């Protein structure tokens, strides 16, 4: 989808607050509420907008441990990579999964209730997978900044 200036401005506003009314968006960027609505609908249909979600502060809801895990594979055969991607996709504790370049193959962002839960997951996901050469875990002590907005061209 080719995004124009208005689409970019709409996305910029929605990334900050997706509950902003279409009328308010239209007033800010110089379009009617109906035009904004059509553009948003099209961006959802074209998968430019993937989801409308609420970001929840986990510390306010339940005590959880945030982990960052580096995974190094033993082989880089595509069938093994696809298999592990599929496995990671099914694990709810894995919040984000990145297939990366460099010394490791994957970086996972995980949320667990306890280190005992994490140990159980490591046995199931990492130790029992013969294609995982090693993994390294980093435990978050304090979240300084998180970002959910994609910098958009102006």
C-alpha atoms as a PDB file:
ATOM      1  CA  UNK A   1       0.000   0.000   0.000  1.00  0.00           C
ATOM      2  CA  UNK A   2       1.357   3.427  -0.907  1.00  0.00           C
ATOM      3  CA  UNK A   3       0.947   5.666   2.113  1.00  0.00           C
ATOM      4  CA  UNK A   4       0.473   9.366   1.531  1.00  0.00           C
ATOM      5  CA  UNK A   5       0.992  12.313   3.885  1.00  0.00           C
ATOM      6  CA  UNK A   6      -2.480  11.938   5.417  1.00  0.00           C
ATOM      7  CA  UNK A   7      -2.032   8.195   6.049  1.00  0.00           C
ATOM      8  CA  UNK A   8       1.292   8.846   7.774  1.00  0.00           C
ATOM      9  CA  UNK A   9      -0.254  11.557   9.957  1.00  0.00           C
ATOM     10  CA  UNK A  10      -3.161   9.254  10.870  1.00  0.00           C
ATOM     11  CA  UNK A  11      -0.745   6.460  11.810  1.00  0.00           C
ATOM     12  CA  UNK A  12       1.353   8.859  13.868  1.00  0.00           C
ATOM     13  CA  UNK A  13      -1.710   9.901  15.885  1.00  0.00           C
ATOM     14  CA  UNK A  14      -3.019   6.341  16.286  1.00  0.00           C
ATOM     15  CA  UNK A  15       0.351   5.089  17.539  1.00  0.00           C
ATOM     16  CA  UNK A  16       0.177   7.604  20.374  1.00  0.00           C
ATOM     17  CA  UNK A  17      -3.497   6.969  21.199  1.00  0.00           C
ATOM     18  CA  UNK A  18      -5.645   4.673  19.095  1.00  0.00           C
ATOM     19  CA  UNK A  19      -8.742   5.872  20.924  1.00  0.00           C
ATOM     20  CA  UNK A  20      -8.457   9.332  19.326  1.00  0.00           C
ATOM     21  CA  UNK A  21     -11.754   9.973  17.588  1.00  0.00           C
ATOM     22  CA  UNK A  22     -11.821  10.097  13.823  1.00  0.00           C
ATOM     23  CA  UNK A  23     -13.315  13.586  14.084  1.00  0.00           C
ATOM     24  CA  UNK A  24     -10.365  14.774  16.192  1.00  0.00           C
ATOM     25  CA  UNK A  25      -7.885  13.151  13.803  1.00  0.00           C
ATOM     26  CA  UNK A  26      -9.609  14.820  10.856  1.00  0.00           C
ATOM     27  CA  UNK A  27      -9.476  18.227  12.531  1.00  0.00           C
ATOM     28  CA  UNK A  28      -5.753  17.825  13.252  1.00  0.00           C
ATOM     29  CA  UNK A  29      -4.803  16.842   9.711  1.00  0.00           C
ATOM     30  CA  UNK A  30      -7.440  18.586   7.584  1.00  0.00           C
ATOM     31  CA  UNK A  31      -9.716  15.720   6.538  1.00  0.00           C
ATOM     32  CA  UNK A  32     -13.336  14.850   7.265  1.00  0.00           C
ATOM     33  CA  UNK A  33     -14.099  12.165   9.851  1.00  0.00           C
ATOM     34  CA  UNK A  34     -15.517  10.005   7.031  1.00  0.00           C
ATOM     35  CA  UNK A  35     -12.282  10.296   5.032  1.00  0.00           C
ATOM     36  CA  UNK A  36     -10.251   9.349   8.113  1.00  0.00           C
ATOM     37  CA  UNK A  37     -12.542   6.379   8.708  1.00  0.00           C
ATOM     38  CA  UNK A  38     -12.114   5.141   5.107  1.00  0.00           C
ATOM     39  CA  UNK A  39      -8.335   5.463   5.321  1.00  0.00           C
ATOM     40  CA  UNK A  40      -8.135   3.622   8.652  1.00  0.00           C
ATOM     41  CA  UNK A  41     -10.398   0.858   7.313  1.00  0.00           C
ATOM     42  CA  UNK A  42      -8.193   0.448   4.230  1.00  0.00           C
ATOM     43  CA  UNK A  43      -4.987   0.386   6.323  1.00  0.00           C
ATOM     44  CA  UNK A  44      -6.519  -2.375   8.475  1.00  0.00           C
ATOM     45  CA  UNK A  45      -7.558  -4.351   5.389  1.00  0.00           C
ATOM     46  CA  UNK A  46      -4.079  -3.947   3.857  1.00  0.00           C
ATOM     47  CA  UNK A  47      -2.450  -5.044   7.158  1.00  0.00           C
ATOM     48  CA  UNK A  48      -0.647  -1.725   7.643  1.00  0.00           C
ATOM     49  CA  UNK A  49      -2.475  -1.606  10.997  1.00  0.00           C
ATOM     50  CA  UNK A  50      -2.039  -5.066  12.484  1.00  0.00           C
ATOM     51  CA  UNK A  51      -3.976  -4.699  15.738  1.00  0.00           C
ATOM     52  CA  UNK A  52      -5.735  -2.302  18.052  1.00  0.00           C
ATOM     53  CA  UNK A  53      -4.559  -3.207  21.533  1.00  0.00           C
ATOM     54  CA  UNK A  54      -4.209  -1.901  25.054  1.00  0.00           C
ATOM     55  CA  UNK A  55      -0.695  -1.948  26.462  1.00  0.00           C
ATOM     56  CA  UNK A  56      -0.864  -3.180  30.041  1.00  0.00           C
ATOM     57  CA  UNK A  57       1.729  -2.465  32.704  1.00  0.00           C
ATOM     58  CA  UNK A  58       2.556  -5.984  33.939  1.00  0.00           C
ATOM     59  CA  UNK A  59       3.678  -4.681  37.328  1.00  0.00           C
ATOM     60  CA  UNK A  60       0.178  -3.313  37.918  1.00  0.00           C
ATOM     61  CA  UNK A  61      -1.526  -6.599  37.084  1.00  0.00           C
ATOM     62  CA  UNK A  62       0.682  -9.430  38.272  1.00  0.00           C
ATOM     63  CA  UNK A  63       4.275  -9.832  39.362  1.00  0.00           C
ATOM     64  CA  UNK A  64       6.272 -11.186  36.448  1.00  0.00           C
ATOM     65  CA  UNK A  65       9.904 -11.582  35.461  1.00  0.00           C
ATOM     66  CA  UNK A  66      11.036 -10.149  32.134  1.00  0.00           C
ATOM     67  CA  UNK A  67      13.819 -12.119  30.430  1.00  0.00           C
ATOM     68  CA  UNK A  68      15.883 -11.642  27.292  1.00  0.00           C
ATOM     69  CA  UNK A  69      17.258 -14.861  25.841  1.00  0.00           C
ATOM     70  CA  UNK A  70      19.881 -15.316  23.142  1.00  0.00           C
ATOM     71  CA  UNK A  71      19.622 -18.572  21.213  1.00  0.00           C
ATOM     72  CA  UNK A  72      22.464 -20.030  19.146  1.00  0.00           C
ATOM     73  CA  UNK A  73      21.561 -22.875  16.804  1.00  0.00           C
ATOM     74  CA  UNK A  74      23.788 -25.796  15.947  1.00  0.00           C
ATOM     75  CA  UNK A  75      22.839 -25.762  12.261  1.00  0.00           C
ATOM     76  CA  UNK A  76      21.345 -23.110  10.033  1.00  0.00           C
ATOM     77  CA  UNK A  77      19.359 -25.445   7.785  1.00  0.00           C
ATOM     78  CA  UNK A  78      16.127 -23.711   6.821  1.00  0.00           C
ATOM     79  CA  UNK A  79      13.877 -26.574   7.945  1.00  0.00           C
ATOM     80  CA  UNK A  80      15.317 -26.361  11.479  1.00  0.00           C
ATOM     81  CA  UNK A  81      14.952 -22.593  11.522  1.00  0.00           C
ATOM     82  CA  UNK A  82      11.326 -22.824  10.380  1.00  0.00           C
ATOM     83  CA  UNK A  83      10.635 -25.518  12.959  1.00  0.00           C
ATOM     84  CA  UNK A  84      12.017 -23.462  15.841  1.00  0.00           C
ATOM     85  CA  UNK A  85      10.168 -20.342  14.659  1.00  0.00           C
ATOM     86  CA  UNK A  86       6.953 -22.348  14.733  1.00  0.00           C
ATOM     87  CA  UNK A  87       7.738 -23.695  18.205  1.00  0.00           C
ATOM     88  CA  UNK A  88       8.538 -20.254  19.622  1.00  0.00           C
ATOM     89  CA  UNK A  89       5.367 -18.836  18.065  1.00  0.00           C
ATOM     90  CA  UNK A  90       3.234 -21.252  20.116  1.00  0.00           C
ATOM     91  CA  UNK A  91       4.733 -20.423  23.533  1.00  0.00           C
ATOM     92  CA  UNK A  92       2.717 -17.720  25.334  1.00  0.00           C
ATOM     93  CA  UNK A  93       5.627 -16.791  27.617  1.00  0.00           C
ATOM     94  CA  UNK A  94       7.596 -15.745  24.521  1.00  0.00           C
ATOM     95  CA  UNK A  95       6.286 -12.247  23.952  1.00  0.00           C
ATOM     96  CA  UNK A  96       8.636 -11.366  21.109  1.00  0.00           C
ATOM     97  CA  UNK A  97      10.934 -13.438  18.916  1.00  0.00           C
ATOM     98  CA  UNK A  98      13.556 -12.017  16.578  1.00  0.00           C
ATOM     99  CA  UNK A  99      15.542 -14.013  14.017  1.00  0.00           C
ATOM    100  CA  UNK A 100      18.764 -11.984  13.859  1.00  0.00           C
ATOM    101  CA  UNK A 101      22.189 -11.760  12.274  1.00  0.00           C
ATOM    102  CA  UNK A 102      25.404 -11.914  14.267  1.00  0.00           C
ATOM    103  CA  UNK A 103      26.751 -14.329  16.842  1.00  0.00           C
ATOM    104  CA  UNK A 104      23.308 -15.604  17.872  1.00  0.00           C
ATOM    105  CA  UNK A 105      20.362 -16.714  15.771  1.00  0.00           C
ATOM    106  CA  UNK A 106      17.363 -15.656  17.848  1.00  0.00           C
ATOM    107  CA  UNK A 107      16.623 -13.148  20.564  1.00  0.00           C
ATOM    108  CA  UNK A 108      13.561 -13.841  22.682  1.00  0.00           C
ATOM    109  CA  UNK A 109      11.697 -11.549  25.034  1.00  0.00           C
ATOM    110  CA  UNK A 110       9.973 -13.695  27.616  1.00  0.00           C
ATOM    111  CA  UNK A 111       7.686 -13.106  30.585  1.00  0.00           C
ATOM    112  CA  UNK A 112       7.440 -15.723  33.346  1.00  0.00           C
ATOM    113  CA  UNK A 113       5.861 -15.796  36.787  1.00  0.00           C
ATOM    114  CA  UNK A 114       8.879 -17.365  38.455  1.00  0.00           C
ATOM    115  CA  UNK A 115      12.350 -18.683  37.794  1.00  0.00           C
ATOM    116  CA  UNK A 116      10.963 -22.175  38.400  1.00  0.00           C
ATOM    117  CA  UNK A 117       8.600 -21.634  35.465  1.00  0.00           C
ATOM    118  CA  UNK A 118      11.544 -20.448  33.365  1.00  0.00           C
ATOM    119  CA  UNK A 119      13.634 -23.476  34.323  1.00  0.00           C
ATOM    120  CA  UNK A 120      10.807 -25.738  33.229  1.00  0.00           C
ATOM    121  CA  UNK A 121      10.577 -23.892  29.904  1.00  0.00           C
ATOM    122  CA  UNK A 122      14.336 -24.146  29.348  1.00  0.00           C
ATOM    123  CA  UNK A 123      14.146 -27.899  29.767  1.00  0.00           C
ATOM    124  CA  UNK A 124      11.228 -28.172  27.364  1.00  0.00           C
ATOM    125  CA  UNK A 125      12.323 -25.622  24.736  1.00  0.00           C
ATOM    126  CA  UNK A 126      16.108 -25.463  24.849  1.00  0.00           C
ATOM    127  CA  UNK A 127      17.721 -28.482  26.505  1.00  0.00           C
ATOM    128  CA  UNK A 128      15.477 -30.973  24.715  1.00  0.00           C
ATOM    129  CA  UNK A 129      16.125 -29.411  21.290  1.00  0.00           C
ATOM    130  CA  UNK A 130      19.268 -30.930  19.771  1.00  0.00           C
ATOM    131  CA  UNK A 131      19.580 -27.988  17.345  1.00  0.00           C
ATOM    132  CA  UNK A 132      20.087 -25.448  20.127  1.00  0.00           C
ATOM    133  CA  UNK A 133      23.824 -25.185  20.757  1.00  0.00           C
ATOM    134  CA  UNK A 134      23.495 -22.757  23.660  1.00  0.00           C
ATOM    135  CA  UNK A 135      21.315 -20.095  25.153  1.00  0.00           C
ATOM    136  CA  UNK A 136      22.096 -17.123  27.351  1.00  0.00           C
ATOM    137  CA  UNK A 137      19.579 -15.441  29.621  1.00  0.00           C
ATOM    138  CA  UNK A 138      19.434 -11.839  30.801  1.00  0.00           C
ATOM    139  CA  UNK A 139      17.030 -10.901  33.611  1.00  0.00           C
ATOM    140  CA  UNK A 140      15.495  -7.435  33.513  1.00  0.00           C
ATOM    141  CA  UNK A 141      16.131  -5.519  36.731  1.00  0.00           C
ATOM    142  CA  UNK A 142      14.295  -2.327  35.751  1.00  0.00           C
ATOM    143  CA  UNK A 143      12.585  -1.205  32.557  1.00  0.00           C
ATOM    144  CA  UNK A 144      13.976   2.221  31.743  1.00  0.00           C
ATOM    145  CA  UNK A 145      12.190   2.768  28.431  1.00  0.00           C
ATOM    146  CA  UNK A 146       9.942   0.839  26.106  1.00  0.00           C
ATOM    147  CA  UNK A 147       8.838   1.994  22.705  1.00  0.00           C
ATOM    148  CA  UNK A 148       5.839   0.937  20.722  1.00  0.00           C
ATOM    149  CA  UNK A 149       5.859   3.680  18.114  1.00  0.00           C
ATOM    150  CA  UNK A 150       7.485   3.208  14.734  1.00  0.00           C
ATOM    151  CA  UNK A 151       9.240   6.382  13.548  1.00  0.00           C
ATOM    152  CA  UNK A 152       7.320   7.441  10.456  1.00  0.00           C
ATOM    153  CA  UNK A 153       8.602   9.499   7.525  1.00  0.00           C
ATOM    154  CA  UNK A 154       7.489  13.106   7.585  1.00  0.00           C
END
